[in-house]
């Protein structure tokens, strides 16, 4: 087998493995606003904010004291 024949299946397997690592999460704020994220938000930053990317691809930054809950999305 040459590298071209082997490369495509390996690349596909790697992408599928990475896709399986994401954990869709729901971030609920104190005012009831909910954000659906592609993955678990980063932990609170030094300046007291949570940063995450919502499912539309927009970066969201909210103060930690505005967050009510962060939980994995249920299927």
N, C-alpha and C. Protein backbone atom coordinates (compact mmCIF):
# COMPACT_ATOMS: atom_id res chain seq x y z
N UNK A 1 0.84 -1.19 0.00
CA UNK A 1 0.00 0.00 0.00
C UNK A 1 0.87 1.24 0.00
N UNK A 2 0.47 2.20 -0.79
CA UNK A 2 1.23 3.44 -0.78
C UNK A 2 0.58 4.44 0.16
N UNK A 3 1.26 5.53 0.38
CA UNK A 3 0.83 6.55 1.35
C UNK A 3 -0.51 7.17 0.96
N UNK A 4 -0.78 7.37 -0.31
CA UNK A 4 -2.04 7.98 -0.74
C UNK A 4 -3.23 7.08 -0.43
N UNK A 5 -3.07 5.80 -0.61
CA UNK A 5 -4.15 4.85 -0.35
C UNK A 5 -4.45 4.76 1.15
N UNK A 6 -3.42 4.85 1.95
CA UNK A 6 -3.56 4.73 3.39
C UNK A 6 -3.94 6.07 4.05
N UNK A 7 -3.58 7.17 3.42
CA UNK A 7 -3.77 8.50 4.02
C UNK A 7 -5.22 8.89 4.24
N UNK A 8 -6.08 8.65 3.27
CA UNK A 8 -7.48 9.07 3.40
C UNK A 8 -8.20 8.35 4.53
N UNK A 9 -8.10 7.03 4.64
CA UNK A 9 -8.76 6.37 5.78
C UNK A 9 -8.21 6.82 7.13
N UNK A 10 -6.92 7.06 7.22
CA UNK A 10 -6.34 7.54 8.48
C UNK A 10 -6.83 8.94 8.83
N UNK A 11 -6.90 9.81 7.84
CA UNK A 11 -7.39 11.17 8.08
C UNK A 11 -8.86 11.15 8.51
N UNK A 12 -9.65 10.31 7.89
CA UNK A 12 -11.07 10.18 8.25
C UNK A 12 -11.22 9.67 9.67
N UNK A 13 -10.44 8.68 10.04
CA UNK A 13 -10.50 8.13 11.39
C UNK A 13 -10.09 9.18 12.42
N UNK A 14 -9.09 9.97 12.11
CA UNK A 14 -8.64 11.02 13.04
C UNK A 14 -9.73 12.07 13.23
N UNK A 15 -10.39 12.48 12.17
CA UNK A 15 -11.47 13.47 12.29
C UNK A 15 -12.64 12.93 13.10
N UNK A 16 -12.99 11.69 12.88
CA UNK A 16 -14.08 11.08 13.64
C UNK A 16 -13.72 10.97 15.13
N UNK A 17 -12.48 10.67 15.42
CA UNK A 17 -12.05 10.58 16.82
C UNK A 17 -12.13 11.94 17.49
N UNK A 18 -11.72 12.98 16.78
CA UNK A 18 -11.79 14.33 17.35
C UNK A 18 -13.23 14.78 17.52
N UNK A 19 -14.09 14.44 16.60
CA UNK A 19 -15.49 14.83 16.70
C UNK A 19 -16.16 14.16 17.90
N UNK A 20 -15.72 12.98 18.25
CA UNK A 20 -16.29 12.27 19.38
C UNK A 20 -15.88 12.85 20.72
N UNK A 21 -14.90 13.73 20.75
CA UNK A 21 -14.39 14.29 22.00
C UNK A 21 -15.20 15.49 22.47
N UNK A 22 -16.02 16.05 21.64
CA UNK A 22 -16.76 17.24 22.04
C UNK A 22 -17.89 16.86 23.00
N UNK A 23 -18.21 17.78 23.89
CA UNK A 23 -19.26 17.57 24.87
C UNK A 23 -20.23 18.74 24.80
N UNK A 24 -21.31 18.63 24.01
CA UNK A 24 -22.28 19.72 23.95
C UNK A 24 -22.77 20.08 25.35
N UNK A 25 -22.77 21.36 25.65
CA UNK A 25 -23.06 21.83 26.99
C UNK A 25 -24.07 22.97 26.94
N UNK A 26 -24.92 23.06 27.97
CA UNK A 26 -25.87 24.16 28.10
C UNK A 26 -25.39 25.06 29.23
N UNK A 27 -25.17 26.32 28.91
CA UNK A 27 -24.79 27.32 29.92
C UNK A 27 -26.02 28.18 30.17
N UNK A 28 -26.51 28.20 31.40
CA UNK A 28 -27.69 28.98 31.76
C UNK A 28 -27.26 30.14 32.65
N UNK A 29 -27.70 31.34 32.26
CA UNK A 29 -27.37 32.53 33.04
C UNK A 29 -28.44 32.78 34.10
N UNK A 30 -28.14 33.66 35.03
CA UNK A 30 -29.07 34.00 36.11
C UNK A 30 -30.39 34.56 35.57
N UNK A 31 -30.33 35.26 34.41
CA UNK A 31 -31.55 35.85 33.85
C UNK A 31 -32.35 34.88 32.97
N UNK A 32 -31.91 33.60 32.92
CA UNK A 32 -32.63 32.58 32.16
C UNK A 32 -32.12 32.36 30.74
N UNK A 33 -31.24 33.22 30.26
CA UNK A 33 -30.67 33.03 28.93
C UNK A 33 -29.86 31.74 28.90
N UNK A 34 -30.04 30.97 27.83
CA UNK A 34 -29.29 29.73 27.69
C UNK A 34 -28.45 29.76 26.42
N UNK A 35 -27.24 29.25 26.53
CA UNK A 35 -26.35 29.11 25.39
C UNK A 35 -26.04 27.63 25.22
N UNK A 36 -26.16 27.14 24.00
CA UNK A 36 -25.75 25.78 23.68
C UNK A 36 -24.36 25.87 23.08
N UNK A 37 -23.42 25.18 23.70
CA UNK A 37 -22.03 25.26 23.25
C UNK A 37 -21.61 23.96 22.58
N UNK A 38 -20.56 24.05 21.80
CA UNK A 38 -20.02 22.86 21.14
C UNK A 38 -19.25 21.98 22.11
N UNK A 39 -18.68 22.60 23.13
CA UNK A 39 -17.85 21.87 24.07
C UNK A 39 -17.93 22.54 25.43
N UNK A 40 -17.42 21.90 26.45
CA UNK A 40 -17.44 22.43 27.81
C UNK A 40 -16.67 23.75 27.83
N UNK A 41 -17.26 24.81 28.42
CA UNK A 41 -16.56 26.10 28.48
C UNK A 41 -15.25 26.00 29.25
N UNK A 42 -14.34 26.92 28.90
CA UNK A 42 -13.10 27.00 29.65
C UNK A 42 -13.44 27.40 31.08
N UNK A 43 -12.59 26.99 31.98
CA UNK A 43 -12.83 27.37 33.37
C UNK A 43 -12.73 28.89 33.53
N UNK A 44 -13.18 29.35 34.65
CA UNK A 44 -13.20 30.79 34.90
C UNK A 44 -11.80 31.37 34.71
N UNK A 45 -11.72 32.48 33.98
CA UNK A 45 -10.44 33.13 33.73
C UNK A 45 -10.02 33.96 34.95
N UNK A 46 -8.80 34.46 34.92
CA UNK A 46 -8.29 35.27 36.03
C UNK A 46 -9.14 36.50 36.28
N UNK A 47 -9.73 37.04 35.20
CA UNK A 47 -10.54 38.25 35.36
C UNK A 47 -12.00 37.95 35.70
N UNK A 48 -12.34 36.66 35.98
CA UNK A 48 -13.68 36.31 36.45
C UNK A 48 -14.72 36.08 35.37
N UNK A 49 -14.31 35.62 34.20
CA UNK A 49 -15.23 35.37 33.09
C UNK A 49 -15.14 33.92 32.64
N UNK A 50 -16.24 33.43 32.06
CA UNK A 50 -16.24 32.18 31.33
C UNK A 50 -16.22 32.53 29.85
N UNK A 51 -15.44 31.80 29.07
CA UNK A 51 -15.38 32.01 27.62
C UNK A 51 -15.74 30.70 26.94
N UNK A 52 -16.59 30.80 25.90
CA UNK A 52 -16.96 29.61 25.15
C UNK A 52 -17.46 30.01 23.78
N UNK A 53 -17.55 29.02 22.89
CA UNK A 53 -18.06 29.22 21.54
C UNK A 53 -19.44 28.57 21.47
N UNK A 54 -20.45 29.35 21.06
CA UNK A 54 -21.79 28.76 20.96
C UNK A 54 -21.90 27.97 19.65
N UNK A 55 -23.05 27.33 19.44
CA UNK A 55 -23.17 26.44 18.28
C UNK A 55 -23.16 27.18 16.95
N UNK A 56 -23.39 28.50 16.98
CA UNK A 56 -23.34 29.27 15.74
C UNK A 56 -21.90 29.71 15.41
N UNK A 57 -20.97 29.43 16.34
CA UNK A 57 -19.57 29.79 16.10
C UNK A 57 -19.17 31.11 16.73
N UNK A 58 -20.08 31.79 17.40
CA UNK A 58 -19.78 33.08 18.03
C UNK A 58 -19.08 32.86 19.37
N UNK A 59 -18.05 33.64 19.64
CA UNK A 59 -17.38 33.58 20.93
C UNK A 59 -18.19 34.38 21.95
N UNK A 60 -18.43 33.77 23.10
CA UNK A 60 -19.23 34.39 24.15
C UNK A 60 -18.36 34.48 25.40
N UNK A 61 -18.42 35.63 26.06
CA UNK A 61 -17.68 35.85 27.30
C UNK A 61 -18.66 36.43 28.30
N UNK A 62 -18.90 35.72 29.41
CA UNK A 62 -19.84 36.18 30.42
C UNK A 62 -19.17 36.17 31.79
N UNK A 63 -19.60 37.08 32.65
CA UNK A 63 -19.06 37.12 34.01
C UNK A 63 -19.47 35.86 34.75
N UNK A 64 -18.57 35.34 35.53
CA UNK A 64 -18.84 34.10 36.26
C UNK A 64 -20.03 34.24 37.20
N UNK A 65 -20.23 35.41 37.79
CA UNK A 65 -21.35 35.57 38.72
C UNK A 65 -22.70 35.65 38.02
N UNK A 66 -22.70 35.76 36.68
CA UNK A 66 -23.95 35.75 35.91
C UNK A 66 -24.38 34.33 35.52
N UNK A 67 -23.48 33.36 35.69
CA UNK A 67 -23.75 31.97 35.28
C UNK A 67 -24.46 31.24 36.42
N UNK A 68 -25.62 30.67 36.10
CA UNK A 68 -26.37 29.90 37.09
C UNK A 68 -25.92 28.44 37.06
N UNK A 69 -25.90 27.83 35.87
CA UNK A 69 -25.49 26.42 35.75
C UNK A 69 -24.73 26.19 34.45
N UNK A 70 -23.89 25.17 34.48
CA UNK A 70 -23.22 24.65 33.29
C UNK A 70 -23.39 23.15 33.36
N UNK A 71 -24.09 22.58 32.38
CA UNK A 71 -24.34 21.14 32.40
C UNK A 71 -24.25 20.57 31.00
N UNK A 72 -23.93 19.27 30.93
CA UNK A 72 -23.88 18.60 29.63
C UNK A 72 -25.29 18.49 29.09
N UNK A 73 -25.42 18.67 27.78
CA UNK A 73 -26.72 18.55 27.14
C UNK A 73 -27.17 17.10 27.16
N UNK A 74 -28.42 16.89 27.49
CA UNK A 74 -28.97 15.54 27.49
C UNK A 74 -29.53 15.24 26.11
N UNK A 75 -29.34 14.00 25.67
CA UNK A 75 -29.81 13.61 24.33
C UNK A 75 -31.29 13.47 24.27
